[in-house]
Amino acid sequence: MGVIRIQEVMVKSKLSRSTIYSLCIQGLFPPPRKIGVRAVGWIESEVDHWMEARPTALPTRRSAGAEPKEKQ
């Protein structure tokens, strides 16, 4: 069971730091684990499983329910 830090999670997932934390808050990404007083890390196998199971594209704010305005 390897633990990886945020920089490696960002490289592996191709997501930004803010997107990773946002997905964690929404319960859509594996949660970080406390590994020190001021440090967190992710279980590498959990990140790998998430990557294998995730859809090819995450929904955007626009596609998550917003209807485009009609052109006039």
N, C-alpha and C. Protein backbone atom coordinates (compact mmCIF):
# COMPACT_ATOMS: atom_id res chain seq x y z
N MET A 1 0.86 -1.17 0.00
CA MET A 1 0.00 0.00 0.00
C MET A 1 0.89 1.23 0.00
N GLY A 2 1.01 1.87 -1.18
CA GLY A 2 1.82 3.07 -1.28
C GLY A 2 0.98 4.32 -1.09
N VAL A 3 1.61 5.32 -0.52
CA VAL A 3 0.96 6.61 -0.32
C VAL A 3 1.63 7.61 -1.24
N ILE A 4 0.81 8.38 -1.98
CA ILE A 4 1.35 9.39 -2.88
C ILE A 4 0.85 10.77 -2.46
N ARG A 5 1.66 11.77 -2.73
CA ARG A 5 1.32 13.15 -2.36
C ARG A 5 0.57 13.82 -3.51
N ILE A 6 0.08 15.01 -3.27
CA ILE A 6 -0.79 15.71 -4.21
C ILE A 6 -0.14 15.90 -5.58
N GLN A 7 1.15 16.19 -5.64
CA GLN A 7 1.80 16.41 -6.93
C GLN A 7 1.72 15.17 -7.81
N GLU A 8 1.95 14.01 -7.22
CA GLU A 8 1.87 12.77 -8.00
C GLU A 8 0.43 12.43 -8.37
N VAL A 9 -0.51 12.73 -7.47
CA VAL A 9 -1.92 12.52 -7.78
C VAL A 9 -2.31 13.39 -8.98
N MET A 10 -1.82 14.62 -9.00
CA MET A 10 -2.11 15.53 -10.11
C MET A 10 -1.55 15.00 -11.43
N VAL A 11 -0.34 14.47 -11.40
CA VAL A 11 0.28 13.93 -12.61
C VAL A 11 -0.48 12.70 -13.09
N LYS A 12 -0.77 11.77 -12.16
CA LYS A 12 -1.46 10.53 -12.54
C LYS A 12 -2.86 10.79 -13.08
N SER A 13 -3.59 11.66 -12.41
CA SER A 13 -5.00 11.88 -12.76
C SER A 13 -5.19 12.93 -13.84
N LYS A 14 -4.15 13.74 -14.08
CA LYS A 14 -4.24 14.86 -15.03
C LYS A 14 -5.31 15.87 -14.59
N LEU A 15 -5.48 16.01 -13.28
CA LEU A 15 -6.42 16.97 -12.71
C LEU A 15 -5.65 18.01 -11.91
N SER A 16 -6.24 19.18 -11.77
CA SER A 16 -5.61 20.23 -10.97
C SER A 16 -5.84 19.95 -9.49
N ARG A 17 -5.05 20.62 -8.66
CA ARG A 17 -5.19 20.49 -7.21
C ARG A 17 -6.62 20.84 -6.78
N SER A 18 -7.14 21.95 -7.27
CA SER A 18 -8.48 22.38 -6.85
C SER A 18 -9.55 21.40 -7.30
N THR A 19 -9.40 20.82 -8.48
CA THR A 19 -10.37 19.83 -8.96
C THR A 19 -10.33 18.57 -8.10
N ILE A 20 -9.15 18.14 -7.74
CA ILE A 20 -9.01 16.95 -6.89
C ILE A 20 -9.72 17.17 -5.56
N TYR A 21 -9.44 18.30 -4.90
CA TYR A 21 -10.06 18.57 -3.61
C TYR A 21 -11.57 18.76 -3.75
N SER A 22 -12.01 19.38 -4.82
CA SER A 22 -13.44 19.56 -5.06
C SER A 22 -14.13 18.20 -5.22
N LEU A 23 -13.52 17.31 -6.00
CA LEU A 23 -14.09 15.97 -6.18
C LEU A 23 -14.09 15.19 -4.87
N CYS A 24 -13.06 15.38 -4.04
CA CYS A 24 -13.02 14.71 -2.72
C CYS A 24 -14.19 15.17 -1.86
N ILE A 25 -14.44 16.48 -1.85
CA ILE A 25 -15.54 17.03 -1.05
C ILE A 25 -16.88 16.47 -1.53
N GLN A 26 -17.02 16.28 -2.83
CA GLN A 26 -18.26 15.75 -3.41
C GLN A 26 -18.36 14.23 -3.26
N GLY A 27 -17.30 13.59 -2.77
CA GLY A 27 -17.31 12.14 -2.64
C GLY A 27 -17.06 11.41 -3.95
N LEU A 28 -16.49 12.12 -4.93
CA LEU A 28 -16.27 11.54 -6.26
C LEU A 28 -14.82 11.16 -6.51
N PHE A 29 -13.96 11.32 -5.52
CA PHE A 29 -12.54 10.99 -5.64
C PHE A 29 -12.10 10.43 -4.30
N PRO A 30 -11.15 9.50 -4.30
CA PRO A 30 -10.70 8.94 -3.02
C PRO A 30 -10.24 10.04 -2.07
N PRO A 31 -10.57 9.91 -0.80
CA PRO A 31 -10.21 10.96 0.16
C PRO A 31 -8.72 10.92 0.52
N PRO A 32 -8.16 12.08 0.85
CA PRO A 32 -6.78 12.09 1.32
C PRO A 32 -6.71 11.53 2.74
N ARG A 33 -5.55 10.98 3.09
CA ARG A 33 -5.33 10.43 4.44
C ARG A 33 -4.26 11.26 5.12
N LYS A 34 -4.45 11.52 6.38
CA LYS A 34 -3.46 12.27 7.16
C LYS A 34 -2.23 11.39 7.36
N ILE A 35 -1.08 11.90 6.95
CA ILE A 35 0.16 11.13 7.10
C ILE A 35 1.18 11.84 7.97
N GLY A 36 0.80 12.98 8.50
CA GLY A 36 1.68 13.75 9.37
C GLY A 36 0.90 14.91 9.96
N VAL A 37 1.58 15.72 10.73
CA VAL A 37 0.92 16.86 11.36
C VAL A 37 0.34 17.81 10.32
N ARG A 38 1.12 18.09 9.27
CA ARG A 38 0.66 19.02 8.23
C ARG A 38 0.74 18.40 6.84
N ALA A 39 0.50 17.10 6.75
CA ALA A 39 0.65 16.43 5.45
C ALA A 39 -0.47 15.41 5.24
N VAL A 40 -0.90 15.34 3.99
CA VAL A 40 -1.87 14.32 3.60
C VAL A 40 -1.35 13.60 2.37
N GLY A 41 -1.86 12.41 2.15
CA GLY A 41 -1.50 11.63 0.97
C GLY A 41 -2.68 10.78 0.57
N TRP A 42 -2.57 10.21 -0.59
CA TRP A 42 -3.62 9.34 -1.13
C TRP A 42 -3.07 7.93 -1.26
N ILE A 43 -3.92 6.94 -1.01
CA ILE A 43 -3.54 5.55 -1.21
C ILE A 43 -3.47 5.34 -2.73
N GLU A 44 -2.29 4.98 -3.22
CA GLU A 44 -2.07 4.89 -4.66
C GLU A 44 -3.04 3.93 -5.34
N SER A 45 -3.31 2.79 -4.72
CA SER A 45 -4.21 1.81 -5.33
C SER A 45 -5.64 2.36 -5.44
N GLU A 46 -6.07 3.20 -4.48
CA GLU A 46 -7.40 3.80 -4.56
C GLU A 46 -7.48 4.78 -5.73
N VAL A 47 -6.41 5.56 -5.93
CA VAL A 47 -6.37 6.50 -7.06
C VAL A 47 -6.36 5.71 -8.37
N ASP A 48 -5.58 4.63 -8.42
CA ASP A 48 -5.53 3.79 -9.63
C ASP A 48 -6.91 3.20 -9.95
N HIS A 49 -7.61 2.70 -8.93
CA HIS A 49 -8.95 2.13 -9.15
C HIS A 49 -9.91 3.20 -9.63
N TRP A 50 -9.83 4.40 -9.04
CA TRP A 50 -10.69 5.50 -9.47
C TRP A 50 -10.44 5.83 -10.94
N MET A 51 -9.17 5.85 -11.33
CA MET A 51 -8.82 6.18 -12.72
C MET A 51 -9.35 5.13 -13.69
N GLU A 52 -9.31 3.87 -13.30
CA GLU A 52 -9.81 2.79 -14.16
C GLU A 52 -11.34 2.86 -14.29
N ALA A 53 -12.02 3.29 -13.24
CA ALA A 53 -13.48 3.29 -13.22
C ALA A 53 -14.11 4.60 -13.69
N ARG A 54 -13.33 5.67 -13.77
CA ARG A 54 -13.93 6.98 -14.07
C ARG A 54 -14.39 7.06 -15.52
N PRO A 55 -15.37 7.90 -15.76
CA PRO A 55 -15.80 8.12 -17.15
C PRO A 55 -14.69 8.84 -17.92
N THR A 56 -14.78 8.80 -19.23
CA THR A 56 -13.73 9.43 -20.03
C THR A 56 -13.71 10.94 -19.87
N ALA A 57 -14.85 11.53 -19.52
CA ALA A 57 -14.90 12.97 -19.29
C ALA A 57 -15.78 13.26 -18.08
N LEU A 58 -15.33 14.15 -17.23
CA LEU A 58 -16.12 14.56 -16.09
C LEU A 58 -17.15 15.58 -16.56
N PRO A 59 -18.33 15.60 -15.94
CA PRO A 59 -19.32 16.59 -16.35
C PRO A 59 -18.83 18.00 -16.03
N THR A 60 -19.15 18.93 -16.89
CA THR A 60 -18.80 20.32 -16.63
C THR A 60 -19.99 21.01 -16.00
N ARG A 61 -19.79 22.20 -15.50
CA ARG A 61 -20.90 22.94 -14.90
C ARG A 61 -22.01 23.15 -15.92
N ARG A 62 -21.65 23.45 -17.15
CA ARG A 62 -22.66 23.71 -18.18
C ARG A 62 -23.46 22.44 -18.50
N SER A 63 -22.80 21.29 -18.58
CA SER A 63 -23.51 20.07 -18.94
C SER A 63 -24.20 19.41 -17.76
N ALA A 64 -23.97 19.92 -16.56
CA ALA A 64 -24.55 19.31 -15.37
C ALA A 64 -25.93 19.85 -15.04
N GLY A 65 -26.67 20.32 -16.05
CA GLY A 65 -28.03 20.74 -15.79
C GLY A 65 -28.39 22.09 -16.38
N ALA A 66 -27.41 22.87 -16.74
CA ALA A 66 -27.69 24.18 -17.31
C ALA A 66 -28.11 24.03 -18.77
N GLU A 67 -29.20 24.64 -19.12
CA GLU A 67 -29.67 24.62 -20.50
C GLU A 67 -29.06 25.80 -21.24
N PRO A 68 -28.53 25.56 -22.43
CA PRO A 68 -27.98 26.69 -23.19
C PRO A 68 -29.10 27.63 -23.62
N LYS A 69 -28.76 28.91 -23.66
CA LYS A 69 -29.75 29.91 -24.08
C LYS A 69 -29.94 29.83 -25.59
N GLU A 70 -31.17 30.06 -26.01
CA GLU A 70 -31.45 30.06 -27.44
C GLU A 70 -30.89 31.33 -28.06
N LYS A 71 -30.34 31.18 -29.25
CA LYS A 71 -29.83 32.35 -29.97
C LYS A 71 -31.00 33.08 -30.61
N GLN A 72 -30.92 34.37 -30.61
CA GLN A 72 -32.00 35.17 -31.21
C GLN A 72 -31.55 35.81 -32.48
